[in-house]
Protein backbone atom coordinates (compact mmCIF):
# COMPACT_ATOMS: atom_id res chain seq x y z
CA MET A 1 104.08 115.35 100.80
CA TYR A 2 103.86 114.31 104.44
CA GLU A 3 101.71 115.65 107.27
CA PHE A 4 102.27 115.14 111.00
CA GLY A 5 100.56 117.06 113.75
CA GLU A 6 100.23 120.66 112.61
CA PHE A 7 103.08 120.39 110.09
CA ARG A 8 103.33 119.69 106.36
CA LEU A 9 106.57 118.57 104.65
CA GLU A 10 106.73 119.03 100.86
CA PRO A 11 109.82 117.38 99.28
CA ALA A 12 109.19 118.77 95.79
CA GLU A 13 109.25 122.33 97.17
CA ARG A 14 111.83 121.62 99.90
CA ARG A 15 109.43 123.29 102.28
CA LEU A 16 108.27 122.74 105.87
CA SER A 17 105.16 124.65 106.85
CA THR A 18 102.20 124.45 109.17
CA THR A 19 99.02 122.98 107.75
CA CYS A 20 97.71 126.56 107.76
CA GLY A 21 100.45 127.49 105.26
CA GLU A 22 102.83 129.31 107.61
CA PRO A 23 106.46 128.54 106.62
CA VAL A 24 108.90 127.07 109.17
CA ALA A 25 112.53 128.10 108.66
CA LEU A 26 115.12 125.31 108.49
CA GLU A 27 118.71 125.07 107.35
CA PRO A 28 119.02 122.90 104.18
CA LYS A 29 120.75 120.01 105.94
CA SER A 30 118.30 120.09 108.84
CA TYR A 31 115.52 119.82 106.29
CA ASP A 32 117.23 116.81 104.67
CA VAL A 33 117.63 115.06 108.03
CA LEU A 34 113.94 115.62 108.80
CA LEU A 35 112.91 114.27 105.39
CA VAL A 36 114.86 111.03 105.90
CA LEU A 37 113.36 110.55 109.37
CA VAL A 38 109.79 111.27 108.28
CA ARG A 39 110.03 108.98 105.25
CA ASN A 40 111.08 106.21 107.65
CA ALA A 41 108.59 107.07 110.41
CA GLY A 42 108.40 104.43 113.12
CA ARG A 43 111.75 102.85 112.19
CA LEU A 44 115.17 103.34 113.76
CA VAL A 45 117.33 105.27 111.28
CA ARG A 46 120.93 104.57 112.13
CA LYS A 47 123.48 107.37 112.26
CA ARG A 48 125.48 105.99 109.34
CA GLU A 49 122.34 105.79 107.19
CA LEU A 50 121.54 109.43 107.98
CA LEU A 51 125.07 110.56 107.21
CA ASP A 52 125.16 108.62 103.94
CA SER A 53 121.77 109.99 102.89
CA VAL A 54 122.31 113.66 103.75
CA TRP A 55 126.07 114.08 103.21
CA ARG A 56 126.61 111.78 100.22
CA GLU A 57 129.59 113.66 98.79
CA ALA A 58 131.35 114.65 102.01
CA PHE A 59 132.83 113.08 105.11
CA VAL A 60 131.44 114.53 108.34
CA GLU A 61 131.56 113.44 111.97
CA GLU A 62 128.55 111.90 113.71
CA GLY A 63 128.38 114.86 116.06
CA ILE A 64 126.88 117.00 113.30
CA LEU A 65 123.68 114.97 113.60
CA ALA A 66 123.08 116.09 117.18
CA VAL A 67 123.31 119.72 116.04
CA HIS A 68 120.65 119.28 113.36
CA ILE A 69 118.40 117.13 115.55
CA SER A 70 118.47 119.86 118.18
CA ALA A 71 117.56 122.46 115.53
CA LEU A 72 114.67 120.30 114.33
CA ARG A 73 113.27 119.87 117.81
CA ARG A 74 113.35 123.63 118.32
CA ALA A 75 111.61 124.20 114.98
CA LEU A 76 108.88 121.68 115.75
CA GLY A 77 108.31 123.04 119.25
CA ASP A 78 107.16 120.92 122.18
CA SER A 79 105.93 118.14 119.88
CA GLY A 80 109.38 117.80 118.34
CA ARG A 81 110.89 116.49 121.55
CA GLY A 82 108.48 113.57 121.52
CA TRP A 83 108.45 113.02 117.77
CA ILE A 84 112.22 112.74 117.26
CA GLN A 85 113.47 110.05 119.60
CA THR A 86 117.16 109.44 120.27
CA VAL A 87 118.22 105.80 120.44
CA PRO A 88 121.51 105.91 122.38
CA ARG A 89 124.61 104.89 120.39
CA ALA A 90 122.40 103.86 117.45
CA GLY A 91 120.45 106.65 115.77
CA TYR A 92 117.06 108.36 115.72
CA ARG A 93 113.41 107.45 115.22
CA PHE A 94 110.52 109.66 114.11
CA ALA A 95 107.64 108.60 116.36
CA GLY A 96 104.94 110.99 115.14
CA LEU A 97 101.95 109.73 113.15
CA VAL A 98 102.67 110.56 109.49
CA THR A 99 100.10 110.78 106.68
CA GLN A 100 101.35 110.67 103.08
CA ARG A 101 99.72 112.72 100.34
CA VAL A 102 100.48 113.12 96.63
CA ALA A 103 100.08 115.99 94.15
CA GLN A 104 98.03 115.52 90.99
CA PRO A 105 99.23 117.38 87.85
CA GLY A 106 97.54 120.74 87.44
CA THR A 107 95.75 120.62 90.79
CA ALA A 108 96.32 121.64 94.35
CA TRP A 109 97.75 119.09 96.76
CA LEU A 110 95.28 116.24 97.07
CA SER A 111 95.31 113.31 99.40
CA SER A 112 96.70 110.03 98.14
CA LEU A 113 93.59 108.64 99.79
CA GLY A 114 91.45 110.20 97.06
CA VAL A 115 88.36 112.33 97.64
CA PRO A 116 88.28 113.54 101.27
CA PRO A 117 86.08 111.46 103.60
CA VAL A 118 82.78 112.77 104.89
CA ARG A 119 84.30 112.84 108.38
CA PRO A 120 87.99 113.84 108.59
CA GLU A 121 88.61 111.50 111.57
CA ALA A 122 88.81 108.70 109.01
CA TYR A 123 92.13 110.13 107.75
CA GLU A 124 93.79 109.72 111.12
CA LEU A 125 92.47 106.18 111.57
CA ILE A 126 93.63 105.14 108.11
CA GLY A 127 97.05 106.69 108.73
CA ARG A 128 97.26 104.75 111.98
CA GLY A 129 96.27 101.53 110.20
CA ARG A 130 98.94 102.03 107.54
CA PHE A 131 101.53 102.78 110.21
CA HIS A 132 100.83 99.46 111.96
CA LEU A 133 100.65 97.57 108.66
CA LEU A 134 104.06 98.79 107.52
CA LYS A 135 105.69 97.08 110.51
CA ALA A 136 104.75 93.67 109.05
CA SER A 137 104.55 92.19 112.55
CA MET A 138 102.02 89.67 113.84
CA PHE A 139 101.64 91.95 116.86
CA GLU A 140 100.94 95.06 114.77
CA VAL A 141 98.60 93.68 112.09
CA PRO A 142 95.61 93.24 114.47
CA LYS A 143 96.02 96.91 115.43
CA ALA A 144 95.92 97.79 111.72
CA VAL A 145 92.72 95.77 111.26
CA ALA A 146 91.14 97.53 114.24
CA ALA A 147 92.11 100.98 112.90
CA PHE A 148 90.67 100.32 109.44
CA ARG A 149 87.45 98.91 110.93
CA ALA A 150 87.16 102.04 113.05
CA ALA A 151 87.65 104.20 109.94
CA ILE A 152 84.83 102.31 108.21
CA GLU A 153 82.59 102.94 111.22
CA VAL A 154 83.41 106.64 110.97
CA ASP A 155 82.74 106.79 107.21
CA SER A 156 81.48 103.60 105.56
CA THR A 157 81.38 105.29 102.13
CA TYR A 158 85.14 105.97 102.02
CA ALA A 159 86.90 103.59 99.62
CA PRO A 160 90.45 103.83 101.14
CA ALA A 161 89.12 102.59 104.50
CA HIS A 162 87.79 99.40 102.87
CA ALA A 163 90.97 99.07 100.78
CA GLY A 164 93.09 99.37 103.91
CA LEU A 165 91.05 96.68 105.63
CA ALA A 166 91.55 94.45 102.58
CA LEU A 167 95.33 94.87 102.78
CA ALA A 168 95.30 94.23 106.54
CA CYS A 169 93.27 91.04 106.08
CA CYS A 170 95.82 89.88 103.48
CA ALA A 171 98.53 90.45 106.08
CA GLN A 172 96.54 88.38 108.60
CA ALA A 173 96.45 85.52 106.11
CA LYS A 174 100.16 85.68 105.24
CA LEU A 175 101.18 85.73 108.92
CA ARG A 176 98.58 83.04 109.75
CA ILE A 177 97.06 85.26 112.43
CA ALA A 178 93.70 84.16 111.03
CA PRO A 179 92.79 81.13 108.88
CA PRO A 180 93.94 82.13 105.36
CA ALA A 181 90.62 81.18 103.71
CA ASP A 182 88.66 83.40 106.13
CA ALA A 183 91.08 86.32 105.99
CA TYR A 184 91.35 86.27 102.20
CA GLY A 185 87.57 85.99 101.92
CA GLU A 186 87.12 89.19 103.91
CA ALA A 187 89.97 90.85 102.00
CA LYS A 188 88.28 90.13 98.68
CA SER A 189 84.92 91.46 99.88
CA SER A 190 86.54 94.62 101.23
CA ALA A 191 88.59 95.19 98.05
CA LEU A 192 85.54 94.76 95.80
CA ARG A 193 83.55 97.11 98.03
CA ALA A 194 86.30 99.72 97.73
CA LEU A 195 86.46 99.34 93.95
CA ALA A 196 82.68 99.71 93.69
CA MET A 197 83.10 103.10 95.39
CA ASP A 198 86.26 104.11 93.50
CA ASP A 199 87.68 101.96 90.70
CA ALA A 200 90.80 104.17 90.67
CA CYS A 201 91.83 103.08 94.18
CA ALA A 202 95.31 101.59 93.73
CA ASP A 203 95.31 99.99 97.20
CA ALA A 204 92.08 98.15 96.42
CA GLN A 205 93.44 96.91 93.08
CA ALA A 206 96.60 95.69 94.85
CA ALA A 207 94.61 93.98 97.61
CA LEU A 208 92.34 92.24 95.11
CA ALA A 209 95.43 91.16 93.16
CA GLU A 210 96.93 89.69 96.33
CA VAL A 211 93.81 87.60 96.95
CA LEU A 212 93.71 86.38 93.34
CA PHE A 213 97.45 85.60 93.46
CA LEU A 214 98.06 84.11 96.91
CA SER A 215 94.71 82.53 97.64
CA GLU A 216 92.91 81.75 94.39
CA TRP A 217 95.98 81.16 92.19
CA ASN A 218 94.31 83.17 89.45
CA TRP A 219 97.59 84.19 87.86
CA ALA A 220 96.17 86.11 84.89
CA GLY A 221 93.55 87.95 86.98
CA ALA A 222 96.13 88.96 89.55
CA GLU A 223 98.47 90.28 86.86
CA ARG A 224 95.67 92.39 85.35
CA CYS A 225 94.85 93.93 88.74
CA LEU A 226 98.51 94.68 89.46
CA ASN A 227 98.97 96.36 86.10
CA ARG A 228 95.86 98.47 86.81
CA ALA A 229 97.23 99.43 90.24
CA LEU A 230 100.54 100.50 88.69
CA ARG A 231 98.80 102.52 85.98
CA ILE A 232 96.90 104.36 88.72
CA ASP A 233 99.99 104.76 90.91
CA PRO A 234 103.32 103.93 89.22
CA HIS A 235 105.06 104.29 92.60
CA HIS A 236 102.91 101.71 94.43
CA SER A 237 105.67 99.60 96.03
CA ASP A 238 103.41 96.77 97.20
CA ALA A 239 101.94 96.33 93.72
CA CYS A 240 105.43 96.34 92.27
CA LEU A 241 106.66 93.70 94.72
CA LEU A 242 103.60 91.51 94.18
CA LEU A 243 104.07 91.67 90.43
CA GLY A 244 107.70 90.62 90.89
CA GLN A 245 106.61 87.65 93.02
CA LEU A 246 103.95 86.69 90.49
CA LEU A 247 106.42 86.68 87.61
CA GLU A 248 108.77 84.51 89.66
CA ALA A 249 105.97 82.06 90.48
CA LEU A 250 105.45 81.68 86.73
CA GLY A 251 109.14 80.96 86.23
CA LYS A 252 110.14 84.41 84.97
CA LEU A 253 112.87 84.84 87.57
CA ASP A 254 114.90 87.56 85.86
CA GLU A 255 111.80 89.63 85.10
CA GLY A 256 110.60 89.29 88.68
CA LEU A 257 113.91 90.51 90.06
CA ALA A 258 113.95 93.43 87.62
CA ILE A 259 110.50 94.58 88.80
CA LYS A 260 111.58 94.39 92.44
CA LEU A 261 114.69 96.43 91.69
CA LYS A 262 112.40 99.12 90.27
CA ALA A 263 110.59 99.12 93.61
CA LEU A 264 114.00 99.52 95.27
CA GLU A 265 114.66 102.65 93.19
CA ARG A 266 111.42 104.13 94.45
CA ASP A 267 111.83 103.04 98.06
CA PRO A 268 115.57 102.53 98.77
CA PHE A 269 115.22 102.35 102.56
CA SER A 270 112.43 99.78 102.72
CA PRO A 271 113.30 96.54 104.58
CA LYS A 272 110.38 94.86 102.80
CA VAL A 273 111.85 95.63 99.37
CA HIS A 274 115.33 94.47 100.38
CA LEU A 275 113.96 91.18 101.70
CA GLN A 276 112.03 90.61 98.48
CA VAL A 277 115.22 91.13 96.46
CA SER A 278 116.88 88.53 98.69
CA MET A 279 113.99 86.15 97.99
CA SER A 280 114.54 86.62 94.25
CA TYR A 281 118.16 85.50 94.59
CA TRP A 282 116.96 82.58 96.75
CA ASN A 283 114.64 81.41 93.97
CA GLN A 284 117.54 81.77 91.52
CA ARG A 285 119.69 79.65 93.88
CA ARG A 286 122.23 82.44 94.11
CA TYR A 287 122.63 81.91 97.82
CA ASP A 288 125.54 84.27 98.47
CA ARG A 289 123.54 87.13 96.97
CA ALA A 290 120.47 86.09 98.96
CA ILE A 291 122.53 86.31 102.17
CA GLU A 292 123.96 89.68 101.14
CA TRP A 293 120.51 91.20 100.63
CA ALA A 294 119.08 89.59 103.75
CA ASN A 295 121.86 91.22 105.76
CA LYS A 296 121.07 94.56 104.09
CA THR A 297 117.52 94.08 105.34
CA LEU A 298 118.81 93.57 108.87
CA GLU A 299 120.91 96.73 108.62
CA LEU A 300 117.69 98.63 107.95
CA ASP A 301 115.62 96.73 110.53
CA PRO A 302 117.55 94.50 113.00
CA ALA A 303 114.27 93.28 114.52
CA HIS A 304 112.60 92.38 111.22
CA PRO A 305 110.09 89.58 112.01
CA HIS A 306 110.86 87.33 109.00
CA VAL A 307 114.35 87.85 107.65
CA ARG A 308 116.20 85.60 110.11
CA GLU A 309 113.94 82.66 109.25
CA HIS A 310 114.77 83.26 105.60
CA LEU A 311 118.50 83.52 106.36
CA ALA A 312 118.37 80.26 108.30
CA GLY A 313 116.85 78.54 105.27
CA VAL A 314 119.60 79.86 103.00
CA TYR A 315 122.34 78.65 105.34
CA TRP A 316 120.65 75.24 105.54
CA LYS A 317 120.73 74.92 101.75
CA GLN A 318 124.42 75.80 101.86
CA GLY A 319 125.09 73.12 104.48
CA ASP A 320 126.20 75.75 107.01
CA PHE A 321 124.67 74.36 110.21
CA GLU A 322 126.32 76.78 112.64
CA ASN A 323 124.90 79.84 110.90
CA TYR A 324 121.59 78.06 110.35
CA LEU A 325 121.31 77.45 114.09
CA ALA A 326 122.53 80.94 114.99
CA GLU A 327 119.85 82.61 112.86
CA ASN A 328 117.13 80.38 114.32
CA VAL A 329 118.29 81.29 117.82
CA ARG A 330 118.23 85.01 117.00
CA HIS A 331 114.79 84.72 115.42
CA ALA A 332 113.42 82.81 118.41
CA ALA A 333 114.87 85.39 120.82
CA LEU A 334 112.55 88.00 119.28
CA HIS A 335 109.68 85.88 120.61
CA GLY A 336 111.24 85.21 124.02
CA VAL A 337 112.43 81.65 123.27
CA PRO A 338 115.70 80.85 125.12
CA GLU A 339 118.77 79.53 123.32
CA SER A 340 118.63 76.36 125.43
CA ALA A 341 115.55 75.29 123.45
CA PHE A 342 117.86 74.57 120.50
CA GLU A 343 120.24 72.31 122.38
CA PRO A 344 118.54 69.12 121.06
CA LEU A 345 119.20 70.31 117.50
CA ARG A 346 122.84 70.96 118.28
CA GLN A 347 123.20 67.51 119.84
CA ALA A 348 121.41 65.87 116.90
CA TYR A 349 123.81 67.55 114.48
CA ALA A 350 126.83 66.49 116.51
CA ALA A 351 125.61 62.90 116.49
CA GLY A 352 124.32 62.56 112.94
CA GLY A 353 125.00 65.70 110.92
CA SER A 354 122.19 67.19 108.85
CA ALA A 355 120.42 63.82 108.76
CA GLY A 356 120.26 63.93 112.56
CA VAL A 357 118.70 67.40 112.46
CA ARG A 358 116.13 66.25 109.88
CA ARG A 359 115.27 63.29 112.08
CA ILE A 360 114.63 65.35 115.21
CA MET A 361 112.60 67.93 113.24
CA LEU A 362 110.46 65.13 111.83
CA GLU A 363 110.01 63.62 115.29
CA ASN A 364 108.78 66.98 116.61
CA ALA A 365 106.38 67.31 113.69
CA SER A 366 105.11 63.74 114.17
CA ARG A 367 104.37 64.38 117.85
CA ARG A 368 102.54 67.66 117.18
CA PRO A 369 101.33 67.65 113.56
CA GLN A 370 98.58 70.15 114.37
CA ALA A 371 101.27 72.73 115.22
CA PHE A 372 102.73 72.68 111.70
CA PRO A 373 101.10 73.75 108.42
CA ALA A 374 100.65 70.91 105.92
CA MET A 375 103.09 72.68 103.58
CA GLN A 376 105.83 72.52 106.24
CA LEU A 377 105.11 68.88 107.02
CA ALA A 378 105.52 68.11 103.31
CA LEU A 379 109.01 69.64 103.46
CA PHE A 380 110.00 67.67 106.56
CA TYR A 381 108.88 64.33 105.09
CA GLY A 382 110.33 65.16 101.67
CA GLU A 383 113.79 65.87 103.10
CA ALA A 384 113.54 62.66 105.15
CA GLY A 385 112.80 60.70 101.95
CA ASP A 386 109.25 59.64 102.91
CA MET A 387 107.60 60.70 99.66
CA ASP A 388 104.19 59.13 100.33
CA GLN A 389 103.78 61.19 103.50
CA ALA A 390 105.31 64.26 101.83
CA PHE A 391 102.83 64.24 98.96
CA ALA A 392 99.90 63.45 101.23
CA HIS A 393 100.63 66.66 103.14
CA LEU A 394 101.40 68.61 99.95
CA GLU A 395 98.07 67.61 98.43
CA ARG A 396 96.33 68.70 101.63
CA ALA A 397 98.08 72.07 101.43
CA ILE A 398 96.98 72.44 97.81
CA ALA A 399 93.39 71.60 98.71
CA MET A 400 93.55 74.37 101.34
CA HIS A 401 95.09 76.81 98.81
CA ASP A 402 97.96 77.51 101.20
CA PRO A 403 99.47 80.86 100.11
CA GLY A 404 102.95 79.54 100.94
CA LEU A 405 102.81 77.33 97.84
CA ILE A 406 102.85 80.09 95.21
CA HIS A 407 106.51 79.46 94.36
CA LEU A 408 106.17 75.68 94.30
CA ALA A 409 107.51 75.56 90.74
CA VAL A 410 110.73 77.43 91.49
CA ALA A 411 111.53 77.49 95.23
CA PRO A 412 114.67 75.60 96.37
CA GLN A 413 113.00 74.20 99.49
CA ARG A 414 110.84 72.01 97.22
CA ASP A 415 113.82 70.41 95.48
CA ALA A 416 113.53 67.14 97.41
CA LEU A 417 110.09 66.60 95.85
CA ARG A 418 110.92 67.39 92.22
CA GLY A 419 112.13 63.96 91.23
CA ASP A 420 108.79 62.32 92.04
CA MET A 421 106.27 62.00 89.19
CA ARG A 422 103.51 63.29 91.49
CA PHE A 423 105.18 66.72 91.66
CA GLU A 424 104.16 67.58 88.08
CA GLU A 425 100.54 66.71 88.87
CA CYS A 426 100.62 69.02 91.91
CA LEU A 427 101.86 71.88 89.73
CA ARG A 428 99.14 71.17 87.16
CA ARG A 429 96.45 71.40 89.85
CA MET A 430 97.77 74.88 90.71
CA GLY A 431 97.86 76.00 87.09
CA LEU A 432 101.68 76.00 87.07
CA ARG A 433 104.29 74.02 85.18
CA THR A 434 107.78 72.76 85.90
CA GLN A 435 110.40 75.52 85.77
CA VAL A 436 113.49 74.02 87.46
């Protein structure tokens, strides 16, 4: 179930009530609209998505949504006007802070966060941390870290607070907000601390698995932790997605995609899940399908912080420079970079095609090597045909345990390096073997 403010929403019972147990009357379709909005709290839910979710078997006009939104705001009182935001000509967003809880068989409703904390304020802080973490943005992750640290200060004996901090530190590492070695080190300490308090904490198992997988390349240990997390919580989407990525890293591409599709069944409106499905098709070199699923991600979240970079890479592999450039421009616009910044790339392509683009990218990297991760420099030099420089940077990335290398054995962007005999040795050092 979901709690926000003084309200509790229970999907299994199709019931909205106050947290004191007083029922709140709603028409069935108004209830369904509220459920979709709350499940996607913080995200713009477009009108078409709402209509398709609530009126699956019937055709209705968009105007019906305004009727039910108005009814919901009345039912939720003064808070409802602030919680349910209208985005003109687009859709609606639920802006209230939502806490998820789950029911255990044969018991009353219990928090998905386990045994209640000593001080209830920790709940709100953890909910806030999860809210920021779900946005997967480099601007939101530091807020998540701060919220989880504050929850630990409120109640240092509460395992979910330490587990949340572990997940937030993993996000810092993946987004390179902090040095990966430092962030993963703190994530591992926090996850182990959480598990010492509660070994049935699925978030802690998933966070520990992420460290073992992305940072330590302990493939077997990570798989054990993920299987434990999914035994504790079979609906843990992050554990499911990580397991799919792990299987793909080991060359089990079909199995990895199948696991991610199970996560999609559980969380059909998650941009994160849709993007991971797109990444599966990318690793399978099924580029049209990768583009299809990346665009589905954008339908769910037009401002997603990573999908346009991914799309640009797919178009590059297809030799579609115009779309490659367009996606880079759109991605850069999210960070305030003007389109004019890409004019040198356009001119380089006009003068020398893709080789011209590679040349100017390599020139930029050569002038400012400190601005590029070693893994990225290896790609630039590999595509330019300078294998000595490419492998020098790749070996440096391996020595640093760069988390971006986990799919070295299967990822298409490494194809330029595969023909060199040194590539097999790099895989061996990571505990991987050639798959493609």
